[in-house]
Amino acid sequence: MSGHSKFANIKHKKEKNDAAKGRIFTRLGRELAVAVKEGGPDPNNNNRLRDAISKAKSNNMPNDTIERSIKKAAGDLNSVNYELITYEGYGPNGVAIIVEVLTDNRNRAAANVRNAFTKGNGNMGTTGCVSFMFDKKGIIMIEKSNNISEDELMLLALESGASDFNVEEEGFEILTDPDDFSTVYSSIESKNIPMVSAEVTMVPQTYVTLTSDEDIKRMQKILSLLEDEDDVQNVYHNWENEE
């Protein structure tokens, strides 16, 4: 099956972030708390919480830490005052960028995100200016191993509701519709198959390649500054080569 895979980039990003696990866990905890406030502490009745748990597990967040985060949020809903805001804009050579933040200070978040774009010679745009170039999908990345064969994994994924299955040099990419993500994830988890990454994300419909060293440096600058912002939860873009 065809499809533009980002296996290498997602794996690289995950490895690169291993040195900042504390920050990652803080962000994941924030996502869990907001999900609990939105739909309650039972993942069986809260799709957003179920997806947040899957993402946390794929980032090696311990189960007891996940459970504590959920219980804490459920016991003190009034303390969860984060607002989800999405910003859109452009990097060098028209690279499309979407930034999701969870913040308790809208003005601070907007100023910091704008600053990241400006310092990388990009610019913020209006809501909807680039989001139409992306599709919301669940992506599960699995390294090749002896645990399960390619055919067995593909059959398991597709029978569980996956929409696509791509074979990469290093592993497999499973795509799902957002509503089917949790079901597919649970089926794979039940077989004790390790996952490199598992989350509902924004997948670009087309990609932009930067050939200028200056443009690459500018794009890296934007991503680095956004990564350092505590309010920023997720950054999506259609830059072909992130490394």
Protein backbone atom coordinates (compact mmCIF):
# COMPACT_ATOMS: atom_id res chain seq x y z
CA MET A 1 0.00 0.00 0.00
CA SER A 2 1.23 3.45 -0.84
CA GLY A 3 1.60 6.60 1.19
CA HIS A 4 4.30 9.07 2.15
CA SER A 5 5.88 7.69 5.31
CA LYS A 6 7.65 9.76 7.95
CA PHE A 7 8.96 6.76 9.92
CA ALA A 8 12.58 7.90 10.00
CA ASN A 9 11.73 11.44 11.03
CA ILE A 10 9.32 10.39 13.77
CA LYS A 11 11.83 7.89 15.16
CA HIS A 12 14.61 10.49 14.99
CA LYS A 13 12.44 13.06 16.74
CA LYS A 14 11.58 10.60 19.50
CA GLU A 15 15.24 9.71 20.04
CA LYS A 16 16.24 13.36 20.01
CA ASN A 17 13.66 14.10 22.69
CA ASP A 18 14.79 11.32 25.03
CA ALA A 19 17.17 13.82 26.68
CA ALA A 20 14.18 15.99 27.61
CA LYS A 21 11.83 13.38 29.07
CA GLY A 22 10.89 15.65 31.98
CA ARG A 23 9.51 18.26 29.61
CA ILE A 24 7.76 15.63 27.50
CA PHE A 25 6.10 14.07 30.53
CA THR A 26 4.94 17.51 31.68
CA ARG A 27 3.31 18.10 28.31
CA LEU A 28 1.75 14.65 28.27
CA GLY A 29 0.45 15.19 31.79
CA ARG A 30 -1.14 18.44 30.67
CA GLU A 31 -2.86 16.66 27.78
CA LEU A 32 -4.17 14.00 30.15
CA ALA A 33 -5.49 16.64 32.56
CA VAL A 34 -7.30 18.60 29.84
CA ALA A 35 -8.80 15.37 28.47
CA VAL A 36 -10.09 14.44 31.95
CA LYS A 37 -11.64 17.87 32.40
CA GLU A 38 -13.28 17.62 28.98
CA GLY A 39 -14.75 14.13 29.23
CA GLY A 40 -14.12 12.59 32.65
CA PRO A 41 -11.51 10.16 34.04
CA ASP A 42 -12.83 6.96 32.43
CA PRO A 43 -11.01 6.29 29.12
CA ASN A 44 -13.76 3.87 28.08
CA ASN A 45 -16.12 6.83 27.86
CA ASN A 46 -13.60 9.49 26.84
CA ASN A 47 -11.97 9.12 23.44
CA ARG A 48 -9.67 12.07 23.92
CA LEU A 49 -8.35 10.63 27.18
CA ARG A 50 -7.90 7.21 25.58
CA ASP A 51 -5.83 8.76 22.78
CA ALA A 52 -3.78 10.78 25.28
CA ILE A 53 -3.03 7.61 27.25
CA SER A 54 -1.91 5.83 24.08
CA LYS A 55 0.40 8.71 23.23
CA ALA A 56 1.80 8.77 26.77
CA LYS A 57 2.50 5.04 26.73
CA SER A 58 4.27 5.23 23.37
CA ASN A 59 6.53 7.90 24.88
CA ASN A 60 7.45 5.49 27.71
CA MET A 61 5.52 7.37 30.38
CA PRO A 62 5.13 4.89 33.28
CA ASN A 63 1.63 3.54 33.90
CA ASP A 64 1.63 4.71 37.52
CA THR A 65 2.55 8.23 36.40
CA ILE A 66 -0.31 8.18 33.89
CA GLU A 67 -2.73 6.97 36.57
CA ARG A 68 -1.56 9.64 39.04
CA SER A 69 -2.03 12.36 36.44
CA ILE A 70 -5.58 11.20 35.73
CA LYS A 71 -6.51 10.91 39.42
CA LYS A 72 -5.02 14.31 40.20
CA ALA A 73 -6.94 15.95 37.36
CA ALA A 74 -10.18 14.18 38.32
CA GLY A 75 -9.81 15.29 41.94
CA ASP A 76 -9.15 18.92 41.17
CA LEU A 77 -10.93 19.85 37.96
CA ASN A 78 -11.02 23.53 38.89
CA SER A 79 -7.22 23.71 38.77
CA VAL A 80 -7.14 22.65 35.11
CA ASN A 81 -7.46 25.97 33.34
CA TYR A 82 -5.51 25.38 30.16
CA GLU A 83 -6.89 26.63 26.87
CA LEU A 84 -6.21 24.80 23.61
CA ILE A 85 -5.22 27.23 20.86
CA THR A 86 -3.98 26.47 17.36
CA TYR A 87 -1.73 28.86 15.43
CA GLU A 88 -0.88 28.54 11.75
CA GLY A 89 1.80 30.09 9.60
CA TYR A 90 4.63 29.73 7.13
CA GLY A 91 8.31 28.94 7.39
CA PRO A 92 10.97 29.41 4.70
CA ASN A 93 9.91 28.75 1.10
CA GLY A 94 6.27 28.44 2.13
CA VAL A 95 6.64 25.50 4.52
CA ALA A 96 3.28 25.08 6.26
CA ILE A 97 3.40 25.01 10.07
CA ILE A 98 0.66 24.28 12.63
CA VAL A 99 1.35 24.92 16.32
CA GLU A 100 -0.91 23.60 19.07
CA VAL A 101 -0.59 25.11 22.54
CA LEU A 102 -2.19 24.42 25.91
CA THR A 103 -1.84 27.59 27.91
CA ASP A 104 -3.20 29.51 30.87
CA ASN A 105 -2.11 32.79 29.27
CA ARG A 106 -3.28 33.38 25.71
CA ASN A 107 -1.30 36.61 25.26
CA ARG A 108 1.98 35.02 26.38
CA ALA A 109 1.49 32.02 24.13
CA ALA A 110 0.67 34.12 21.07
CA ALA A 111 3.70 36.39 21.63
CA ASN A 112 6.10 33.46 22.07
CA VAL A 113 4.85 31.57 19.03
CA ARG A 114 5.00 34.71 16.91
CA ASN A 115 8.55 35.32 18.14
CA ALA A 116 9.60 31.83 16.98
CA PHE A 117 8.20 32.44 13.51
CA THR A 118 9.80 35.89 13.27
CA LYS A 119 13.27 34.75 14.36
CA GLY A 120 13.21 32.04 11.71
CA ASN A 121 12.10 34.48 8.99
CA GLY A 122 8.65 32.91 8.92
CA ASN A 123 5.31 34.56 9.54
CA MET A 124 2.10 33.79 11.38
CA GLY A 125 -1.02 33.49 9.30
CA THR A 126 -4.76 33.49 9.90
CA THR A 127 -6.71 30.52 11.21
CA GLY A 128 -7.17 28.00 8.41
CA CYS A 129 -4.40 29.36 6.20
CA VAL A 130 -2.46 26.05 6.14
CA SER A 131 -4.56 23.48 8.04
CA PHE A 132 -6.40 22.54 4.83
CA MET A 133 -3.07 21.08 3.62
CA PHE A 134 -3.14 18.44 6.38
CA ASP A 135 -5.30 15.44 7.22
CA LYS A 136 -5.94 14.37 10.80
CA LYS A 137 -4.92 10.73 11.17
CA GLY A 138 -3.75 8.21 13.71
CA ILE A 139 -0.21 6.97 13.10
CA ILE A 140 1.37 3.96 14.77
CA MET A 141 5.04 3.21 14.08
CA ILE A 142 6.45 -0.26 14.77
CA GLU A 143 10.03 -1.43 14.32
CA LYS A 144 10.70 -4.72 12.55
CA SER A 145 11.26 -7.55 15.02
CA ASN A 146 10.72 -11.24 15.55
CA ASN A 147 7.55 -10.63 17.57
CA ILE A 148 5.27 -10.69 14.56
CA SER A 149 5.61 -11.07 10.79
CA GLU A 150 4.74 -8.37 8.30
CA ASP A 151 1.71 -10.30 7.03
CA GLU A 152 0.43 -10.99 10.56
CA LEU A 153 0.81 -7.35 11.58
CA MET A 154 -0.86 -6.05 8.43
CA LEU A 155 -3.79 -8.46 8.91
CA LEU A 156 -4.13 -7.48 12.57
CA ALA A 157 -4.04 -3.76 11.76
CA LEU A 158 -6.48 -3.86 8.86
CA GLU A 159 -8.93 -6.16 10.64
CA SER A 160 -8.85 -3.77 13.61
CA GLY A 161 -9.84 -0.85 11.37
CA ALA A 162 -6.58 0.63 10.03
CA SER A 163 -6.93 2.54 6.78
CA ASP A 164 -3.41 1.95 5.44
CA PHE A 165 -0.28 -0.09 6.12
CA ASN A 166 3.13 0.98 4.82
CA VAL A 167 6.37 -1.00 4.89
CA GLU A 168 9.56 0.95 5.53
CA GLU A 169 13.17 -0.15 5.67
CA GLU A 170 13.20 0.09 9.47
CA GLY A 171 9.64 -0.88 10.27
CA PHE A 172 5.96 -0.40 9.62
CA GLU A 173 3.63 2.59 9.53
CA ILE A 174 -0.03 2.04 10.32
CA LEU A 175 -2.53 4.79 9.48
CA THR A 176 -6.03 5.09 10.91
CA ASP A 177 -8.95 7.45 10.91
CA PRO A 178 -8.96 9.37 14.22
CA ASP A 179 -12.10 7.55 15.41
CA ASP A 180 -10.49 4.14 14.81
CA PHE A 181 -7.11 4.93 16.37
CA SER A 182 -7.85 3.64 19.88
CA THR A 183 -9.28 0.34 18.60
CA VAL A 184 -6.26 -0.34 16.39
CA TYR A 185 -3.86 0.69 19.16
CA SER A 186 -5.54 -1.61 21.67
CA SER A 187 -5.36 -4.56 19.27
CA ILE A 188 -1.63 -4.09 18.77
CA GLU A 189 -1.00 -3.47 22.47
CA SER A 190 -2.86 -6.68 23.36
CA LYS A 191 -0.26 -8.64 21.36
CA ASN A 192 2.58 -7.01 23.37
CA ILE A 193 4.03 -5.47 20.21
CA PRO A 194 6.34 -2.52 21.04
CA MET A 195 5.44 0.75 19.33
CA VAL A 196 7.96 3.45 18.44
CA SER A 197 5.22 6.07 18.26
CA ALA A 198 1.43 6.11 18.53
CA GLU A 199 -0.68 9.26 18.30
CA VAL A 200 -3.39 11.13 16.45
CA THR A 201 -1.56 13.73 14.42
CA MET A 202 -1.74 16.00 11.38
CA VAL A 203 -0.37 14.43 8.19
CA PRO A 204 0.65 16.73 5.30
CA GLN A 205 -0.97 16.11 1.94
CA THR A 206 2.17 17.36 0.17
CA TYR A 207 5.73 18.10 1.29
CA VAL A 208 8.19 20.95 0.74
CA THR A 209 11.92 20.32 0.30
CA LEU A 210 14.35 23.04 1.36
CA THR A 211 17.52 23.16 -0.73
CA SER A 212 19.09 26.35 0.63
CA ASP A 213 21.32 25.95 3.69
CA GLU A 214 20.01 29.29 4.94
CA ASP A 215 16.39 28.16 4.63
CA ILE A 216 17.18 24.92 6.46
CA LYS A 217 18.83 26.87 9.30
CA ARG A 218 15.82 29.19 9.51
CA MET A 219 13.40 26.28 9.63
CA GLN A 220 15.46 24.56 12.30
CA LYS A 221 15.46 27.83 14.26
CA ILE A 222 11.66 28.01 14.23
CA LEU A 223 11.28 24.39 15.34
CA SER A 224 13.92 24.73 18.04
CA LEU A 225 12.32 27.84 19.53
CA LEU A 226 8.87 26.24 19.48
CA GLU A 227 10.27 23.10 21.12
CA ASP A 228 11.63 25.23 23.98
CA GLU A 229 8.25 26.82 24.70
CA ASP A 230 6.44 25.24 27.65
CA ASP A 231 3.02 26.16 26.26
CA VAL A 232 3.63 24.40 22.95
CA GLN A 233 2.24 20.87 22.86
CA ASN A 234 2.55 19.85 19.20
CA VAL A 235 4.12 21.22 16.04
CA TYR A 236 3.16 19.91 12.61
CA HIS A 237 4.79 20.91 9.33
CA ASN A 238 5.29 19.72 5.76
CA TRP A 239 9.06 20.09 5.58
CA GLU A 240 10.39 17.02 3.79
CA ASN A 241 13.74 16.71 5.53
CA GLU A 242 13.80 17.52 9.23
CA GLU A 243 17.32 16.25 10.04
